[in-house]
C-alpha cells in the first residue's frame, strides 16, 4: 500500500535560454544533464529515498533573472527508476492516470 506522501515528478519542459538543467539521484554527488524533456520524453524523479533526488539549474555566465521548468506529478504506479529519461506522459488521463496536468515553477 502506497503512502500518501510517496510520489514523484516528471519533468516535461525546461527553459534552456539562459542555462541548463541537471538532475541527481544520489543526493547531489553526481549530476546528469536533463536535456530537452518534452511530455513525450520526460525525465522522472521519485520522492523516495528522501533527499536523494534533486534538480539544479546551472545558469549561463552573467545570467541574472528567472527561469522555469514544467512538471507533472507522478503517482508511482509505473516503476521507472529515478532519473529515467524518455518517459511518455502525453497520453495519460490527468484525473485517473499516472501523471497529473502540467505545473510550472
C-alpha atoms as a PDB file:
ATOM      1  CA  UNK A   1       0.000   0.000   0.000  1.00  0.00           C
ATOM      2  CA  UNK A   2       1.483   3.311  -1.102  1.00  0.00           C
ATOM      3  CA  UNK A   3       1.673   6.144   1.420  1.00  0.00           C
ATOM      4  CA  UNK A   4       0.041   9.458   0.534  1.00  0.00           C
ATOM      5  CA  UNK A   5       3.470  11.043   0.709  1.00  0.00           C
ATOM      6  CA  UNK A   6       5.095   8.847  -1.909  1.00  0.00           C
ATOM      7  CA  UNK A   7       5.082  10.445  -5.314  1.00  0.00           C
ATOM      8  CA  UNK A   8       7.392  11.664  -7.986  1.00  0.00           C
ATOM      9  CA  UNK A   9       7.628  14.252 -10.703  1.00  0.00           C
ATOM     10  CA  UNK A  10       8.014  14.027 -14.450  1.00  0.00           C
ATOM     11  CA  UNK A  11       9.924  16.997 -15.846  1.00  0.00           C
ATOM     12  CA  UNK A  12       8.249  17.730 -19.183  1.00  0.00           C
ATOM     13  CA  UNK A  13       9.812  21.069 -20.206  1.00  0.00           C
ATOM     14  CA  UNK A  14      12.712  23.287 -19.171  1.00  0.00           C
ATOM     15  CA  UNK A  15      13.778  26.786 -20.137  1.00  0.00           C
ATOM     16  CA  UNK A  16      17.186  26.408 -21.808  1.00  0.00           C
ATOM     17  CA  UNK A  17      17.516  30.007 -22.978  1.00  0.00           C
ATOM     18  CA  UNK A  18      19.761  31.022 -20.068  1.00  0.00           C
ATOM     19  CA  UNK A  19      21.410  27.810 -18.909  1.00  0.00           C
ATOM     20  CA  UNK A  20      20.920  24.085 -18.483  1.00  0.00           C
ATOM     21  CA  UNK A  21      19.100  21.837 -16.015  1.00  0.00           C
ATOM     22  CA  UNK A  22      20.622  18.852 -14.263  1.00  0.00           C
ATOM     23  CA  UNK A  23      19.204  16.015 -12.146  1.00  0.00           C
ATOM     24  CA  UNK A  24      20.826  13.947  -9.413  1.00  0.00           C
ATOM     25  CA  UNK A  25      19.641  10.644  -7.943  1.00  0.00           C
ATOM     26  CA  UNK A  26      22.389  10.350  -5.327  1.00  0.00           C
ATOM     27  CA  UNK A  27      21.944  13.469  -3.157  1.00  0.00           C
ATOM     28  CA  UNK A  28      23.993  15.649  -5.479  1.00  0.00           C
ATOM     29  CA  UNK A  29      27.165  13.564  -5.684  1.00  0.00           C
ATOM     30  CA  UNK A  30      26.699  13.142  -9.440  1.00  0.00           C
ATOM     31  CA  UNK A  31      24.678  15.257 -11.861  1.00  0.00           C
ATOM     32  CA  UNK A  32      23.228  14.369 -15.271  1.00  0.00           C
ATOM     33  CA  UNK A  33      22.113  16.878 -17.881  1.00  0.00           C
ATOM     34  CA  UNK A  34      18.309  16.809 -18.088  1.00  0.00           C
ATOM     35  CA  UNK A  35      18.470  17.515 -21.808  1.00  0.00           C
ATOM     36  CA  UNK A  36      15.348  18.892 -23.502  1.00  0.00           C
ATOM     37  CA  UNK A  37      12.465  16.971 -21.937  1.00  0.00           C
ATOM     38  CA  UNK A  38       9.001  17.017 -23.510  1.00  0.00           C
ATOM     39  CA  UNK A  39       5.655  15.470 -22.490  1.00  0.00           C
ATOM     40  CA  UNK A  40       6.568  12.598 -24.841  1.00  0.00           C
ATOM     41  CA  UNK A  41      10.100  12.256 -23.405  1.00  0.00           C
ATOM     42  CA  UNK A  42      10.047  13.342 -19.751  1.00  0.00           C
ATOM     43  CA  UNK A  43      12.632  12.793 -17.012  1.00  0.00           C
ATOM     44  CA  UNK A  44      11.160  11.172 -13.879  1.00  0.00           C
ATOM     45  CA  UNK A  45      12.305  11.570 -10.266  1.00  0.00           C
ATOM     46  CA  UNK A  46      10.880   9.676  -7.290  1.00  0.00           C
ATOM     47  CA  UNK A  47      10.221  11.185  -3.833  1.00  0.00           C
ATOM     48  CA  UNK A  48      11.981   8.341  -2.026  1.00  0.00           C
ATOM     49  CA  UNK A  49      14.565   7.879  -0.707  1.00  0.00           C
ATOM     50  CA  UNK A  50      14.096  11.322   0.790  1.00  0.00           C
ATOM     51  CA  UNK A  51      16.677  13.851  -0.280  1.00  0.00           C
ATOM     52  CA  UNK A  52      18.384  11.686  -2.886  1.00  0.00           C
ATOM     53  CA  UNK A  53      16.692  13.194  -5.959  1.00  0.00           C
ATOM     54  CA  UNK A  54      17.430  16.776  -6.906  1.00  0.00           C
ATOM     55  CA  UNK A  55      17.029  19.248  -9.753  1.00  0.00           C
ATOM     56  CA  UNK A  56      19.563  22.022 -10.361  1.00  0.00           C
ATOM     57  CA  UNK A  57      19.664  24.971 -12.765  1.00  0.00           C
ATOM     58  CA  UNK A  58      23.170  25.788 -13.982  1.00  0.00           C
ATOM     59  CA  UNK A  59      22.975  29.342 -15.413  1.00  0.00           C
ATOM     60  CA  UNK A  60      24.951  30.725 -18.306  1.00  0.00           C
ATOM     61  CA  UNK A  61      27.738  33.108 -17.348  1.00  0.00           C
ATOM     62  CA  UNK A  62      26.426  36.519 -16.253  1.00  0.00           C
ATOM     63  CA  UNK A  63      22.766  35.405 -16.240  1.00  0.00           C
ATOM     64  CA  UNK A  64      20.673  37.053 -13.545  1.00  0.00           C
ATOM     65  CA  UNK A  65      16.921  36.553 -13.735  1.00  0.00           C
ATOM     66  CA  UNK A  66      14.223  33.930 -13.672  1.00  0.00           C
ATOM     67  CA  UNK A  67      13.827  30.652 -15.468  1.00  0.00           C
ATOM     68  CA  UNK A  68      11.290  27.822 -15.286  1.00  0.00           C
ATOM     69  CA  UNK A  69      10.643  24.129 -15.549  1.00  0.00           C
ATOM     70  CA  UNK A  70       7.335  22.401 -16.152  1.00  0.00           C
ATOM     71  CA  UNK A  71       6.493  19.120 -14.462  1.00  0.00           C
ATOM     72  CA  UNK A  72       3.683  16.657 -13.795  1.00  0.00           C
ATOM     73  CA  UNK A  73       3.090  14.821 -10.541  1.00  0.00           C
ATOM     74  CA  UNK A  74       3.651  11.088 -10.828  1.00  0.00           C
ATOM     75  CA  UNK A  75       1.738   8.578  -8.663  1.00  0.00           C
ATOM     76  CA  UNK A  76       4.494   5.918  -8.980  1.00  0.00           C
ATOM     77  CA  UNK A  77       2.113   3.308 -10.432  1.00  0.00           C
ATOM     78  CA  UNK A  78       4.715   2.779 -13.138  1.00  0.00           C
ATOM     79  CA  UNK A  79       8.035   1.736 -11.637  1.00  0.00           C
ATOM     80  CA  UNK A  80      10.679   3.552 -13.660  1.00  0.00           C
ATOM     81  CA  UNK A  81      13.899   4.147 -11.725  1.00  0.00           C
ATOM     82  CA  UNK A  82      14.522   7.725 -10.659  1.00  0.00           C
ATOM     83  CA  UNK A  83      16.394   9.647 -13.338  1.00  0.00           C
ATOM     84  CA  UNK A  84      14.875   7.701 -16.238  1.00  0.00           C
ATOM     85  CA  UNK A  85      14.596   9.864 -19.363  1.00  0.00           C
ATOM     86  CA  UNK A  86      12.293   9.391 -22.346  1.00  0.00           C
ATOM     87  CA  UNK A  87       9.107   8.620 -20.379  1.00  0.00           C
ATOM     88  CA  UNK A  88       5.920   9.357 -22.365  1.00  0.00           C
ATOM     89  CA  UNK A  89       3.463  11.330 -20.188  1.00  0.00           C
ATOM     90  CA  UNK A  90       1.392  12.744 -23.060  1.00  0.00           C
ATOM     91  CA  UNK A  91      -1.395  10.174 -23.269  1.00  0.00           C
ATOM     92  CA  UNK A  92      -2.191   9.822 -19.570  1.00  0.00           C
ATOM     93  CA  UNK A  93      -5.594  10.970 -18.299  1.00  0.00           C
ATOM     94  CA  UNK A  94      -4.769  13.756 -15.763  1.00  0.00           C
ATOM     95  CA  UNK A  95      -7.585  12.667 -13.407  1.00  0.00           C
ATOM     96  CA  UNK A  96      -7.276   8.880 -13.319  1.00  0.00           C
ATOM     97  CA  UNK A  97      -3.901   8.316 -14.942  1.00  0.00           C
ATOM     98  CA  UNK A  98      -0.331   8.002 -13.728  1.00  0.00           C
ATOM     99  CA  UNK A  99       0.522  11.694 -14.298  1.00  0.00           C
ATOM    100  CA  UNK A 100      -1.237  14.952 -13.375  1.00  0.00           C
ATOM    101  CA  UNK A 101      -1.695  18.000 -15.563  1.00  0.00           C
ATOM    102  CA  UNK A 102       1.316  20.284 -16.082  1.00  0.00           C
ATOM    103  CA  UNK A 103       2.549  22.648 -13.376  1.00  0.00           C
ATOM    104  CA  UNK A 104       5.219  25.301 -13.932  1.00  0.00           C
ATOM    105  CA  UNK A 105       7.700  26.551 -11.342  1.00  0.00           C
END
